[in-house]
C-alpha cells in the first residue's frame, strides 16, 4: 500500500498503538479548523468533482482567515520569512 501511495507510513505491529496515539495527539494540537476545512473540500470533490470543489473553495476557506489562530499564525510566519528564519511553531487553539 505504501508503494502505491495509499498510505504514507508503515510501522511494525508492536509500535502501531503507540504510533497511532502519538499521531492523534499531534493532530489534536494542530490546526483543527483547517483540517475540517480540508476534509469538507475533499468531500465536495469526491461527491461532485473538481468544478464543484473549485466553486466551494472560497466558502470553505475564507472563514479560516477570520479565526484567532490565523490572525496569530500569518503575521508570525511573514515576520519569520522576512527575517530568513524558519516559520515558528503555532499553539493552535481552534478559535
N, C-alpha and C. Protein backbone atom coordinates (compact mmCIF):
# COMPACT_ATOMS: atom_id res chain seq x y z
N UNK A 1 0.82 -1.20 0.00
CA UNK A 1 0.00 0.00 0.00
C UNK A 1 0.87 1.27 0.00
N UNK A 2 1.99 1.20 0.69
CA UNK A 2 2.86 2.37 0.71
C UNK A 2 3.46 2.62 -0.67
N UNK A 3 3.86 1.56 -1.35
CA UNK A 3 4.44 1.70 -2.68
C UNK A 3 3.44 2.26 -3.68
N UNK A 4 2.16 2.04 -3.43
CA UNK A 4 1.11 2.54 -4.33
C UNK A 4 0.60 3.92 -3.91
N UNK A 5 1.14 4.47 -2.82
CA UNK A 5 0.74 5.80 -2.39
C UNK A 5 -0.56 5.84 -1.61
N UNK A 6 -1.04 4.69 -1.16
CA UNK A 6 -2.29 4.66 -0.40
C UNK A 6 -2.04 5.06 1.05
N UNK A 7 -0.91 4.67 1.59
CA UNK A 7 -0.51 5.06 2.95
C UNK A 7 0.86 5.71 2.87
N UNK A 8 1.18 6.55 3.85
CA UNK A 8 2.47 7.23 3.80
C UNK A 8 3.42 6.75 4.89
N UNK A 9 2.98 5.78 5.68
CA UNK A 9 3.85 5.27 6.72
C UNK A 9 3.41 3.88 7.14
N UNK A 10 4.39 3.02 7.37
CA UNK A 10 4.13 1.66 7.84
C UNK A 10 4.99 1.45 9.08
N UNK A 11 4.38 0.91 10.13
CA UNK A 11 5.13 0.65 11.36
C UNK A 11 4.93 -0.81 11.75
N UNK A 12 5.87 -1.35 12.50
CA UNK A 12 5.70 -2.73 12.98
C UNK A 12 4.47 -2.84 13.88
N UNK A 13 3.86 -4.01 13.91
CA UNK A 13 2.66 -4.23 14.72
C UNK A 13 2.88 -3.80 16.17
N UNK A 14 4.03 -4.10 16.71
CA UNK A 14 4.31 -3.79 18.12
C UNK A 14 4.33 -2.29 18.39
N UNK A 15 4.52 -1.46 17.37
CA UNK A 15 4.58 0.00 17.54
C UNK A 15 3.30 0.71 17.10
N UNK A 16 2.35 -0.05 16.58
CA UNK A 16 1.16 0.57 15.98
C UNK A 16 0.37 1.42 16.97
N UNK A 17 0.03 0.88 18.13
CA UNK A 17 -0.79 1.63 19.07
C UNK A 17 -0.08 2.90 19.54
N UNK A 18 1.19 2.80 19.88
CA UNK A 18 1.96 3.97 20.34
C UNK A 18 2.03 5.01 19.23
N UNK A 19 2.34 4.57 18.03
CA UNK A 19 2.46 5.49 16.89
C UNK A 19 1.13 6.17 16.58
N UNK A 20 0.05 5.40 16.61
CA UNK A 20 -1.28 5.96 16.34
C UNK A 20 -1.67 6.98 17.41
N UNK A 21 -1.38 6.67 18.65
CA UNK A 21 -1.69 7.59 19.75
C UNK A 21 -0.91 8.90 19.62
N UNK A 22 0.39 8.79 19.30
CA UNK A 22 1.22 9.99 19.11
C UNK A 22 0.70 10.83 17.95
N UNK A 23 0.30 10.17 16.88
CA UNK A 23 -0.25 10.89 15.73
C UNK A 23 -1.54 11.61 16.12
N UNK A 24 -2.42 10.94 16.84
CA UNK A 24 -3.69 11.54 17.25
C UNK A 24 -3.46 12.78 18.13
N UNK A 25 -2.49 12.69 19.04
CA UNK A 25 -2.18 13.84 19.90
C UNK A 25 -1.65 15.00 19.06
N UNK A 26 -0.77 14.70 18.11
CA UNK A 26 -0.20 15.75 17.25
C UNK A 26 -1.30 16.41 16.41
N UNK A 27 -2.20 15.63 15.87
CA UNK A 27 -3.29 16.19 15.06
C UNK A 27 -4.21 17.05 15.93
N UNK A 28 -4.51 16.58 17.13
CA UNK A 28 -5.40 17.33 18.02
C UNK A 28 -4.80 18.67 18.43
N UNK A 29 -3.49 18.77 18.45
CA UNK A 29 -2.83 20.03 18.80
C UNK A 29 -2.62 20.93 17.58
N UNK A 30 -2.97 20.45 16.42
CA UNK A 30 -2.73 21.19 15.19
C UNK A 30 -3.89 22.10 14.82
N UNK A 31 -3.90 22.55 13.58
CA UNK A 31 -4.93 23.47 13.11
C UNK A 31 -6.23 22.72 12.79
N UNK A 32 -6.98 22.39 13.83
CA UNK A 32 -8.15 21.54 13.66
C UNK A 32 -9.20 22.13 12.72
N UNK A 33 -9.36 23.44 12.75
CA UNK A 33 -10.35 24.05 11.84
C UNK A 33 -9.88 23.94 10.39
N UNK A 34 -8.60 24.06 10.16
CA UNK A 34 -8.07 23.89 8.80
C UNK A 34 -8.22 22.43 8.36
N UNK A 35 -8.00 21.50 9.29
CA UNK A 35 -8.21 20.09 8.96
C UNK A 35 -9.67 19.85 8.55
N UNK A 36 -10.59 20.45 9.30
CA UNK A 36 -12.02 20.29 8.98
C UNK A 36 -12.35 20.90 7.62
N UNK A 37 -11.76 22.05 7.32
CA UNK A 37 -12.00 22.68 6.02
C UNK A 37 -11.46 21.80 4.89
N UNK A 38 -10.29 21.25 5.11
CA UNK A 38 -9.68 20.37 4.11
C UNK A 38 -10.57 19.16 3.87
N UNK A 39 -11.05 18.58 4.95
CA UNK A 39 -11.93 17.41 4.84
C UNK A 39 -13.22 17.77 4.09
N UNK A 40 -13.78 18.93 4.39
CA UNK A 40 -15.00 19.36 3.71
C UNK A 40 -14.76 19.55 2.21
N UNK A 41 -13.64 20.14 1.88
CA UNK A 41 -13.31 20.35 0.47
C UNK A 41 -13.11 19.02 -0.25
N UNK A 42 -12.44 18.09 0.40
CA UNK A 42 -12.26 16.76 -0.20
C UNK A 42 -13.60 16.04 -0.38
N UNK A 43 -14.52 16.26 0.58
CA UNK A 43 -15.84 15.63 0.47
C UNK A 43 -16.58 16.18 -0.75
N UNK A 44 -16.53 17.50 -0.95
CA UNK A 44 -17.19 18.11 -2.12
C UNK A 44 -16.57 17.55 -3.39
N UNK A 45 -15.24 17.48 -3.43
CA UNK A 45 -14.56 16.95 -4.61
C UNK A 45 -14.97 15.50 -4.88
N UNK A 46 -14.99 14.66 -3.83
CA UNK A 46 -15.31 13.24 -4.00
C UNK A 46 -16.75 13.04 -4.47
N UNK A 47 -17.65 13.87 -3.98
CA UNK A 47 -19.06 13.71 -4.32
C UNK A 47 -19.45 14.38 -5.63
N UNK A 48 -18.77 15.50 -5.96
CA UNK A 48 -19.25 16.29 -7.09
C UNK A 48 -18.19 16.71 -8.10
N UNK A 49 -16.92 16.38 -7.83
CA UNK A 49 -15.88 16.66 -8.81
C UNK A 49 -15.12 17.96 -8.58
N UNK A 50 -14.15 18.16 -9.46
CA UNK A 50 -13.23 19.28 -9.35
C UNK A 50 -13.94 20.62 -9.47
N UNK A 51 -14.82 20.75 -10.42
CA UNK A 51 -15.51 22.04 -10.62
C UNK A 51 -16.28 22.43 -9.36
N UNK A 52 -16.96 21.49 -8.75
CA UNK A 52 -17.71 21.78 -7.52
C UNK A 52 -16.76 22.16 -6.39
N UNK A 53 -15.64 21.47 -6.29
CA UNK A 53 -14.65 21.80 -5.25
C UNK A 53 -14.09 23.19 -5.48
N UNK A 54 -13.81 23.52 -6.74
CA UNK A 54 -13.33 24.87 -7.05
C UNK A 54 -14.36 25.92 -6.64
N UNK A 55 -15.62 25.64 -6.91
CA UNK A 55 -16.69 26.58 -6.55
C UNK A 55 -16.85 26.73 -5.04
N UNK A 56 -16.62 25.65 -4.30
CA UNK A 56 -16.79 25.66 -2.85
C UNK A 56 -15.57 26.19 -2.10
N UNK A 57 -14.45 26.28 -2.78
CA UNK A 57 -13.18 26.63 -2.12
C UNK A 57 -13.27 27.88 -1.25
N UNK A 58 -13.73 28.97 -1.80
CA UNK A 58 -13.76 30.22 -1.03
C UNK A 58 -14.72 30.15 0.14
N UNK A 59 -15.89 29.54 -0.07
CA UNK A 59 -16.86 29.42 1.02
C UNK A 59 -16.29 28.59 2.18
N UNK A 60 -15.47 27.63 1.85
CA UNK A 60 -14.88 26.77 2.88
C UNK A 60 -13.65 27.43 3.51
N UNK A 61 -12.82 28.07 2.71
CA UNK A 61 -11.55 28.59 3.21
C UNK A 61 -11.61 29.97 3.86
N UNK A 62 -12.42 30.86 3.33
CA UNK A 62 -12.43 32.24 3.83
C UNK A 62 -12.71 32.33 5.33
N UNK A 63 -13.65 31.56 5.88
CA UNK A 63 -13.89 31.66 7.32
C UNK A 63 -12.65 31.36 8.18
N UNK A 64 -11.72 30.60 7.64
CA UNK A 64 -10.49 30.32 8.39
C UNK A 64 -9.71 31.60 8.66
N UNK A 65 -9.75 32.53 7.74
CA UNK A 65 -8.98 33.76 7.87
C UNK A 65 -9.55 34.71 8.93
N UNK A 66 -10.72 34.37 9.44
CA UNK A 66 -11.34 35.16 10.50
C UNK A 66 -11.05 34.58 11.88
N UNK A 67 -10.27 33.51 11.95
CA UNK A 67 -10.02 32.86 13.24
C UNK A 67 -8.84 33.50 13.97
N UNK A 68 -8.87 33.36 15.27
CA UNK A 68 -7.78 33.82 16.12
C UNK A 68 -6.47 33.13 15.72
N UNK A 69 -6.55 31.83 15.43
CA UNK A 69 -5.35 31.08 15.05
C UNK A 69 -4.65 31.71 13.85
N UNK A 70 -5.41 32.02 12.81
CA UNK A 70 -4.81 32.58 11.59
C UNK A 70 -4.31 34.00 11.84
N UNK A 71 -5.06 34.77 12.63
CA UNK A 71 -4.62 36.14 12.92
C UNK A 71 -3.28 36.15 13.64
N UNK A 72 -2.96 35.09 14.37
CA UNK A 72 -1.66 34.99 15.03
C UNK A 72 -0.62 34.33 14.13
N UNK A 73 -1.02 33.30 13.42
CA UNK A 73 -0.07 32.48 12.65
C UNK A 73 0.50 33.21 11.44
N UNK A 74 -0.33 33.88 10.67
CA UNK A 74 0.15 34.50 9.43
C UNK A 74 1.17 35.60 9.72
N UNK A 75 0.89 36.54 10.62
CA UNK A 75 1.91 37.57 10.87
C UNK A 75 3.23 37.00 11.38
N UNK A 76 3.17 35.99 12.23
CA UNK A 76 4.42 35.42 12.74
C UNK A 76 5.18 34.70 11.63
N UNK A 77 4.46 34.06 10.72
CA UNK A 77 5.11 33.39 9.60
C UNK A 77 5.73 34.40 8.63
N UNK A 78 5.03 35.49 8.37
CA UNK A 78 5.55 36.54 7.48
C UNK A 78 6.80 37.18 8.08
N UNK A 79 6.74 37.48 9.37
CA UNK A 79 7.90 38.07 10.05
C UNK A 79 9.11 37.15 9.96
N UNK A 80 8.89 35.87 10.19
CA UNK A 80 9.99 34.90 10.11
C UNK A 80 10.53 34.82 8.69
N UNK A 81 9.65 34.78 7.71
CA UNK A 81 10.07 34.71 6.31
C UNK A 81 10.93 35.92 5.94
N UNK A 82 10.49 37.11 6.34
CA UNK A 82 11.25 38.33 6.04
C UNK A 82 12.61 38.32 6.71
N UNK A 83 12.71 37.68 7.87
CA UNK A 83 13.97 37.62 8.60
C UNK A 83 14.83 36.43 8.18
N UNK A 84 14.33 35.63 7.23
CA UNK A 84 15.07 34.45 6.78
C UNK A 84 15.11 33.35 7.82
N UNK A 85 14.12 33.35 8.70
CA UNK A 85 14.04 32.35 9.77
C UNK A 85 12.98 31.30 9.44
N UNK A 86 13.07 30.14 10.07
CA UNK A 86 12.03 29.13 9.87
C UNK A 86 10.70 29.62 10.47
N UNK A 87 9.64 29.14 9.91
CA UNK A 87 8.31 29.50 10.42
C UNK A 87 8.18 29.02 11.86
N UNK A 88 7.74 29.87 12.77
CA UNK A 88 7.63 29.46 14.17
C UNK A 88 6.47 28.49 14.38
N UNK A 89 6.59 27.66 15.39
CA UNK A 89 5.50 26.76 15.76
C UNK A 89 4.34 27.60 16.28
N UNK A 90 3.14 27.16 16.00
CA UNK A 90 1.96 27.89 16.44
C UNK A 90 1.20 27.02 17.44
N UNK A 91 0.79 27.63 18.53
CA UNK A 91 -0.02 26.95 19.52
C UNK A 91 -1.48 27.15 19.13
N UNK A 92 -2.00 26.26 18.31
CA UNK A 92 -3.37 26.39 17.81
C UNK A 92 -4.38 26.19 18.92
N UNK A 93 -5.42 27.01 18.90
CA UNK A 93 -6.48 26.95 19.91
C UNK A 93 -7.81 26.49 19.33
N UNK A 94 -7.91 26.42 18.02
CA UNK A 94 -9.18 26.04 17.40
C UNK A 94 -10.19 27.17 17.43
N UNK A 95 -9.68 28.40 17.57
CA UNK A 95 -10.56 29.57 17.59
C UNK A 95 -10.14 30.54 16.51
